PDB file of N, CA and C in Angstrom:
ATOM      1  N   UNK A   1      20.256   2.184  13.092  1.00  0.00           N
ATOM      2  CA  UNK A   1      19.340   1.542  11.857  1.00  0.00           C
ATOM      3  C   UNK A   1      18.052   1.050  12.539  1.00  0.00           C
ATOM      4  N   UNK A   2      18.162   0.428  13.789  1.00  0.00           N
ATOM      5  CA  UNK A   2      16.981  -0.064  14.278  1.00  0.00           C
ATOM      6  C   UNK A   2      16.086   1.205  14.530  1.00  0.00           C
ATOM      7  N   UNK A   3      16.563   2.233  15.043  1.00  0.00           N
ATOM      8  CA  UNK A   3      15.707   3.320  15.179  1.00  0.00           C
ATOM      9  C   UNK A   3      14.982   4.139  14.002  1.00  0.00           C
ATOM     10  N   UNK A   4      15.777   3.914  12.988  1.00  0.00           N
ATOM     11  CA  UNK A   4      15.283   4.443  11.544  1.00  0.00           C
ATOM     12  C   UNK A   4      14.090   3.549  11.312  1.00  0.00           C
ATOM     13  N   UNK A   5      14.301   2.170  11.439  1.00  0.00           N
ATOM     14  CA  UNK A   5      13.219   1.200  11.016  1.00  0.00           C
ATOM     15  C   UNK A   5      12.122   1.405  11.736  1.00  0.00           C
ATOM     16  N   UNK A   6      12.343   1.481  13.058  1.00  0.00           N
ATOM     17  CA  UNK A   6      11.041   1.661  14.005  1.00  0.00           C
ATOM     18  C   UNK A   6      10.415   3.016  13.664  1.00  0.00           C
ATOM     19  N   UNK A   7      10.871   4.042  13.271  1.00  0.00           N
ATOM     20  CA  UNK A   7      10.213   5.366  12.920  1.00  0.00           C
ATOM     21  C   UNK A   7       9.651   5.021  11.722  1.00  0.00           C
ATOM     22  N   UNK A   8      10.249   4.355  10.676  1.00  0.00           N
ATOM     23  CA  UNK A   8       9.603   4.055   9.563  1.00  0.00           C
ATOM     24  C   UNK A   8       8.471   3.172   9.596  1.00  0.00           C
ATOM     25  N   UNK A   9       8.525   2.083  10.462  1.00  0.00           N
ATOM     26  CA  UNK A   9       7.337   1.227  10.800  1.00  0.00           C
ATOM     27  C   UNK A   9       6.022   2.186  11.493  1.00  0.00           C
ATOM     28  N   UNK A  10       6.440   3.171  12.291  1.00  0.00           N
ATOM     29  CA  UNK A  10       5.427   4.035  12.772  1.00  0.00           C
ATOM     30  C   UNK A  10       4.688   4.930  11.749  1.00  0.00           C
ATOM     31  N   UNK A  11       5.671   5.563  10.836  1.00  0.00           N
ATOM     32  CA  UNK A  11       5.032   6.287   9.663  1.00  0.00           C
ATOM     33  C   UNK A  11       4.100   5.322   8.809  1.00  0.00           C
ATOM     34  N   UNK A  12       4.610   4.033   8.451  1.00  0.00           N
ATOM     35  CA  UNK A  12       3.709   3.308   7.763  1.00  0.00           C
ATOM     36  C   UNK A  12       2.326   3.046   8.612  1.00  0.00           C
ATOM     37  N   UNK A  13       2.417   2.898   9.706  1.00  0.00           N
ATOM     38  CA  UNK A  13       1.014   2.323  10.457  1.00  0.00           C
ATOM     39  C   UNK A  13       0.340   3.596  10.600  1.00  0.00           C
ATOM     40  N   UNK A  14       0.830   4.885  10.761  1.00  0.00           N
ATOM     41  CA  UNK A  14       0.197   6.097  10.828  1.00  0.00           C
ATOM     42  C   UNK A  14      -0.480   6.252   9.683  1.00  0.00           C
ATOM     43  N   UNK A  15       0.295   6.229   8.349  1.00  0.00           N
ATOM     44  CA  UNK A  15      -0.362   6.233   7.012  1.00  0.00           C
ATOM     45  C   UNK A  15      -1.507   5.333   6.805  1.00  0.00           C
ATOM     46  N   UNK A  16      -1.349   4.088   7.140  1.00  0.00           N
ATOM     47  CA  UNK A  16      -2.319   3.339   6.985  1.00  0.00           C
ATOM     48  C   UNK A  16      -3.721   3.571   7.862  1.00  0.00           C
ATOM     49  N   UNK A  17      -3.659   4.345   8.945  1.00  0.00           N
ATOM     50  CA  UNK A  17      -4.776   4.634   9.779  1.00  0.00           C
ATOM     51  C   UNK A  17      -5.380   5.904   9.027  1.00  0.00           C
ATOM     52  N   UNK A  18      -4.475   6.836   8.593  1.00  0.00           N
ATOM     53  CA  UNK A  18      -5.166   8.191   8.175  1.00  0.00           C
ATOM     54  C   UNK A  18      -5.606   7.736   6.563  1.00  0.00           C
ATOM     55  N   UNK A  19      -5.051   6.579   5.852  1.00  0.00           N
ATOM     56  CA  UNK A  19      -5.543   6.739   4.419  1.00  0.00           C
ATOM     57  C   UNK A  19      -6.911   5.820   4.533  1.00  0.00           C
ATOM     58  N   UNK A  20      -7.378   5.332   5.502  1.00  0.00           N
ATOM     59  CA  UNK A  20      -8.487   4.525   5.676  1.00  0.00           C
ATOM     60  C   UNK A  20      -9.681   5.168   4.849  1.00  0.00           C
ATOM     61  N   UNK A  21     -10.331   4.531   4.010  1.00  0.00           N
ATOM     62  CA  UNK A  21     -11.456   5.197   3.107  1.00  0.00           C
ATOM     63  C   UNK A  21     -12.687   5.653   3.998  1.00  0.00           C
ATOM     64  N   UNK A  22     -12.913   5.279   5.380  1.00  0.00           N
ATOM     65  CA  UNK A  22     -14.008   5.698   5.946  1.00  0.00           C
ATOM     66  C   UNK A  22     -13.895   7.219   6.607  1.00  0.00           C
ATOM     67  N   UNK A  23     -12.595   7.741   6.754  1.00  0.00           N
ATOM     68  CA  UNK A  23     -12.428   9.054   7.155  1.00  0.00           C
ATOM     69  C   UNK A  23     -13.134  10.108   6.302  1.00  0.00           C
ATOM     70  N   UNK A  24     -13.314  11.400   7.117  1.00  0.00           N
ATOM     71  CA  UNK A  24     -13.950  12.304   6.058  1.00  0.00           C
ATOM     72  C   UNK A  24     -13.092  13.033   5.194  1.00  0.00           C
ATOM     73  N   UNK A  25     -12.069  13.234   5.299  1.00  0.00           N
ATOM     74  CA  UNK A  25     -10.946  13.693   4.438  1.00  0.00           C
ATOM     75  C   UNK A  25     -10.775  13.004   3.194  1.00  0.00           C
ATOM     76  N   UNK A  26     -10.995  11.813   3.149  1.00  0.00           N
ATOM     77  CA  UNK A  26     -10.889  10.933   2.131  1.00  0.00           C
ATOM     78  C   UNK A  26     -12.036  10.577   1.185  1.00  0.00           C
ATOM     79  N   UNK A  27     -13.218  11.153   1.501  1.00  0.00           N
ATOM     80  CA  UNK A  27     -14.212  10.873   0.936  1.00  0.00           C
ATOM     81  C   UNK A  27     -14.337  11.332  -0.537  1.00  0.00           C
ATOM     82  N   UNK A  28     -13.783  12.643  -0.811  1.00  0.00           N
ATOM     83  CA  UNK A  28     -13.874  13.151  -2.129  1.00  0.00           C
ATOM     84  C   UNK A  28     -12.585  13.329  -2.714  1.00  0.00           C
ATOM     85  N   UNK A  29     -11.661  12.481  -2.383  1.00  0.00           N
ATOM     86  CA  UNK A  29     -10.257  12.302  -3.216  1.00  0.00           C
ATOM     87  C   UNK A  29     -10.316  11.211  -4.177  1.00  0.00           C
ATOM     88  N   UNK A  30      -9.296  11.244  -4.931  1.00  0.00           N
ATOM     89  CA  UNK A  30      -9.107  10.336  -6.223  1.00  0.00           C
ATOM     90  C   UNK A  30      -9.463   8.926  -6.053  1.00  0.00           C
ATOM     91  N   UNK A  31      -8.482   8.034  -5.204  1.00  0.00           N
ATOM     92  CA  UNK A  31      -8.726   6.629  -5.302  1.00  0.00           C
ATOM     93  C   UNK A  31     -10.049   6.384  -4.368  1.00  0.00           C
ATOM     94  N   UNK A  32     -10.400   7.059  -3.598  1.00  0.00           N
ATOM     95  CA  UNK A  32     -11.529   6.906  -2.806  1.00  0.00           C
ATOM     96  C   UNK A  32     -12.906   7.180  -3.452  1.00  0.00           C
ATOM     97  N   UNK A  33     -13.010   7.802  -4.542  1.00  0.00           N
ATOM     98  CA  UNK A  33     -14.284   8.176  -5.270  1.00  0.00           C
ATOM     99  C   UNK A  33     -14.685   7.104  -6.111  1.00  0.00           C
ATOM    100  N   UNK A  34     -13.553   6.350  -6.569  1.00  0.00           N
ATOM    101  CA  UNK A  34     -14.072   5.194  -7.472  1.00  0.00           C
ATOM    102  C   UNK A  34     -14.612   4.036  -6.469  1.00  0.00           C
ATOM    103  N   UNK A  35     -15.521   3.175  -7.044  1.00  0.00           N
ATOM    104  CA  UNK A  35     -15.963   2.246  -6.025  1.00  0.00           C
ATOM    105  C   UNK A  35     -15.201   0.939  -6.036  1.00  0.00           C
ATOM    106  N   UNK A  36     -15.693  -0.092  -5.277  1.00  0.00           N
ATOM    107  CA  UNK A  36     -14.777  -1.237  -5.334  1.00  0.00           C
ATOM    108  C   UNK A  36     -13.906  -1.092  -4.329  1.00  0.00           C
ATOM    109  N   UNK A  37     -12.697  -1.768  -4.476  1.00  0.00           N
ATOM    110  CA  UNK A  37     -11.524  -2.220  -3.680  1.00  0.00           C
ATOM    111  C   UNK A  37     -10.515  -1.124  -3.740  1.00  0.00           C
ATOM    112  N   UNK A  38     -10.688  -0.326  -5.050  1.00  0.00           N
ATOM    113  CA  UNK A  38      -9.434   0.593  -4.992  1.00  0.00           C
ATOM    114  C   UNK A  38      -9.446   1.595  -3.896  1.00  0.00           C
ATOM    115  N   UNK A  39     -10.615   1.883  -3.271  1.00  0.00           N
ATOM    116  CA  UNK A  39     -10.514   2.736  -1.962  1.00  0.00           C
ATOM    117  C   UNK A  39      -9.531   2.148  -0.650  1.00  0.00           C
ATOM    118  N   UNK A  40      -9.284   1.041  -0.605  1.00  0.00           N
ATOM    119  CA  UNK A  40      -8.498   0.364   0.135  1.00  0.00           C
ATOM    120  C   UNK A  40      -7.064   0.200  -0.128  1.00  0.00           C
ATOM    121  N   UNK A  41      -6.581   0.455  -1.418  1.00  0.00           N
ATOM    122  CA  UNK A  41      -5.324   0.478  -1.663  1.00  0.00           C
ATOM    123  C   UNK A  41      -4.298   1.224  -1.162  1.00  0.00           C
ATOM    124  N   UNK A  42      -4.338   2.617  -0.894  1.00  0.00           N
ATOM    125  CA  UNK A  42      -3.527   3.240  -0.158  1.00  0.00           C
ATOM    126  C   UNK A  42      -3.214   2.701   1.312  1.00  0.00           C
ATOM    127  N   UNK A  43      -4.325   2.199   1.910  1.00  0.00           N
ATOM    128  CA  UNK A  43      -4.155   1.918   3.289  1.00  0.00           C
ATOM    129  C   UNK A  43      -3.549   0.612   3.408  1.00  0.00           C
ATOM    130  N   UNK A  44      -3.836  -0.226   2.517  1.00  0.00           N
ATOM    131  CA  UNK A  44      -3.450  -1.773   2.160  1.00  0.00           C
ATOM    132  C   UNK A  44      -1.903  -1.725   1.905  1.00  0.00           C
ATOM    133  N   UNK A  45      -1.599  -0.825   0.925  1.00  0.00           N
ATOM    134  CA  UNK A  45      -0.072  -0.708   0.691  1.00  0.00           C
ATOM    135  C   UNK A  45       0.756  -0.153   1.946  1.00  0.00           C
ATOM    136  N   UNK A  46       0.223   0.694   2.846  1.00  0.00           N
ATOM    137  CA  UNK A  46       0.945   1.149   3.794  1.00  0.00           C
ATOM    138  C   UNK A  46       1.034  -0.088   4.942  1.00  0.00           C
ATOM    139  N   UNK A  47       0.031  -0.925   5.287  1.00  0.00           N
ATOM    140  CA  UNK A  47       0.007  -1.921   5.852  1.00  0.00           C
ATOM    141  C   UNK A  47       1.095  -3.123   5.415  1.00  0.00           C
ATOM    142  N   UNK A  48       1.152  -3.319   4.209  1.00  0.00           N
ATOM    143  CA  UNK A  48       2.143  -4.432   3.637  1.00  0.00           C
ATOM    144  C   UNK A  48       3.527  -3.875   3.684  1.00  0.00           C
ATOM    145  N   UNK A  49       3.766  -2.669   3.501  1.00  0.00           N
ATOM    146  CA  UNK A  49       5.079  -2.039   3.574  1.00  0.00           C
ATOM    147  C   UNK A  49       5.559  -2.016   5.107  1.00  0.00           C
ATOM    148  N   UNK A  50       4.842  -1.785   6.211  1.00  0.00           N
ATOM    149  CA  UNK A  50       4.860  -2.002   7.599  1.00  0.00           C
ATOM    150  C   UNK A  50       5.124  -3.734   7.799  1.00  0.00           C
ATOM    151  N   UNK A  51       4.417  -4.699   7.495  1.00  0.00           N
ATOM    152  CA  UNK A  51       4.601  -5.993   7.570  1.00  0.00           C
ATOM    153  C   UNK A  51       5.889  -6.474   6.883  1.00  0.00           C
ATOM    154  N   UNK A  52       6.141  -5.771   5.837  1.00  0.00           N
ATOM    155  CA  UNK A  52       7.598  -6.080   5.346  1.00  0.00           C
ATOM    156  C   UNK A  52       8.828  -5.649   6.194  1.00  0.00           C
ATOM    157  N   UNK A  53       8.716  -4.479   6.610  1.00  0.00           N
ATOM    158  CA  UNK A  53       9.834  -4.208   7.582  1.00  0.00           C
ATOM    159  C   UNK A  53       9.851  -4.872   8.799  1.00  0.00           C
ATOM    160  N   UNK A  54       8.676  -5.161   9.349  1.00  0.00           N
ATOM    161  CA  UNK A  54       8.871  -6.107  10.705  1.00  0.00           C
ATOM    162  C   UNK A  54       9.212  -7.591  10.152  1.00  0.00           C
ATOM    163  N   UNK A  55       8.944  -8.237   9.142  1.00  0.00           N
ATOM    164  CA  UNK A  55       9.240  -9.348   8.714  1.00  0.00           C
ATOM    165  C   UNK A  55      10.654  -9.345   8.360  1.00  0.00           C
ATOM    166  N   UNK A  56      11.235  -8.669   7.649  1.00  0.00           N
ATOM    167  CA  UNK A  56      12.728  -8.555   6.914  1.00  0.00           C
ATOM    168  C   UNK A  56      13.650  -8.061   8.099  1.00  0.00           C
ATOM    169  N   UNK A  57      13.302  -7.285   8.887  1.00  0.00           N
ATOM    170  CA  UNK A  57      14.308  -6.736   9.731  1.00  0.00           C
ATOM    171  C   UNK A  57      14.046  -6.998  11.195  1.00  0.00           C
ATOM    172  N   UNK A  58      12.942  -7.472  11.850  1.00  0.00           N
ATOM    173  CA  UNK A  58      12.953  -7.972  12.991  1.00  0.00           C
ATOM    174  C   UNK A  58      12.460  -9.425  13.276  1.00  0.00           C
ATOM    175  N   UNK A  59      12.242 -10.074  11.968  1.00  0.00           N
ATOM    176  CA  UNK A  59      11.958 -11.483  12.262  1.00  0.00           C
ATOM    177  C   UNK A  59      12.912 -12.285  11.655  1.00  0.00           C
ATOM    178  N   UNK A  60      13.358 -12.108  10.441  1.00  0.00           N
ATOM    179  CA  UNK A  60      14.210 -12.861   9.655  1.00  0.00           C
ATOM    180  C   UNK A  60      15.742 -12.281   9.999  1.00  0.00           C
ATOM    181  N   UNK A  61      16.015 -11.206  10.087  1.00  0.00           N
ATOM    182  CA  UNK A  61      17.459 -10.618  10.041  1.00  0.00           C
ATOM    183  C   UNK A  61      18.108 -11.081  11.408  1.00  0.00           C
ATOM    184  N   UNK A  62      17.664 -11.036  12.584  1.00  0.00           N
ATOM    185  CA  UNK A  62      18.167 -11.513  13.642  1.00  0.00           C
ATOM    186  C   UNK A  62      18.700 -12.951  13.677  1.00  0.00           C
ATOM    187  N   UNK A  63      17.892 -14.116  13.436  1.00  0.00           N
ATOM    188  CA  UNK A  63      18.218 -15.329  13.154  1.00  0.00           C
ATOM    189  C   UNK A  63      19.518 -15.398  12.262  1.00  0.00           C
ATOM    190  N   UNK A  64      19.421 -14.740  11.137  1.00  0.00           N
ATOM    191  CA  UNK A  64      20.509 -14.712  10.079  1.00  0.00           C
ATOM    192  C   UNK A  64      21.711 -13.987  10.510  1.00  0.00           C
ATOM    193  N   UNK A  65      21.766 -13.188  11.627  1.00  0.00           N
ATOM    194  CA  UNK A  65      23.042 -12.342  11.958  1.00  0.00           C
ATOM    195  C   UNK A  65      23.710 -13.131  12.956  1.00  0.00           C
ATOM    196  N   UNK A  66      22.977 -14.310  13.595  1.00  0.00           N
ATOM    197  CA  UNK A  66      23.717 -15.099  14.661  1.00  0.00           C
ATOM    198  C   UNK A  66      24.797 -16.125  14.002  1.00  0.00           C
TER     199      UNK A  66
END
C-alpha cells in the first residue's frame, strides 16, 4: 500500500509540474487561455491532492496505527 501511495504522490507532483501555466504546451489550451487564476487550477489541484496523500497517509496514519 505504501508503494502505491508513493507512486501516486509522484504522479501528482509530476502532474503539478507539467500543468504549470508557464510551459509552452499549456499556452493555447482551455483552462490556460482564460485570464486570472483559472490558469493555476490544474496545477494547484495536483498539489492539494499530493499534500492530502502526505498528510493522511504519512503524517496522521502512523500515529493512529500505534
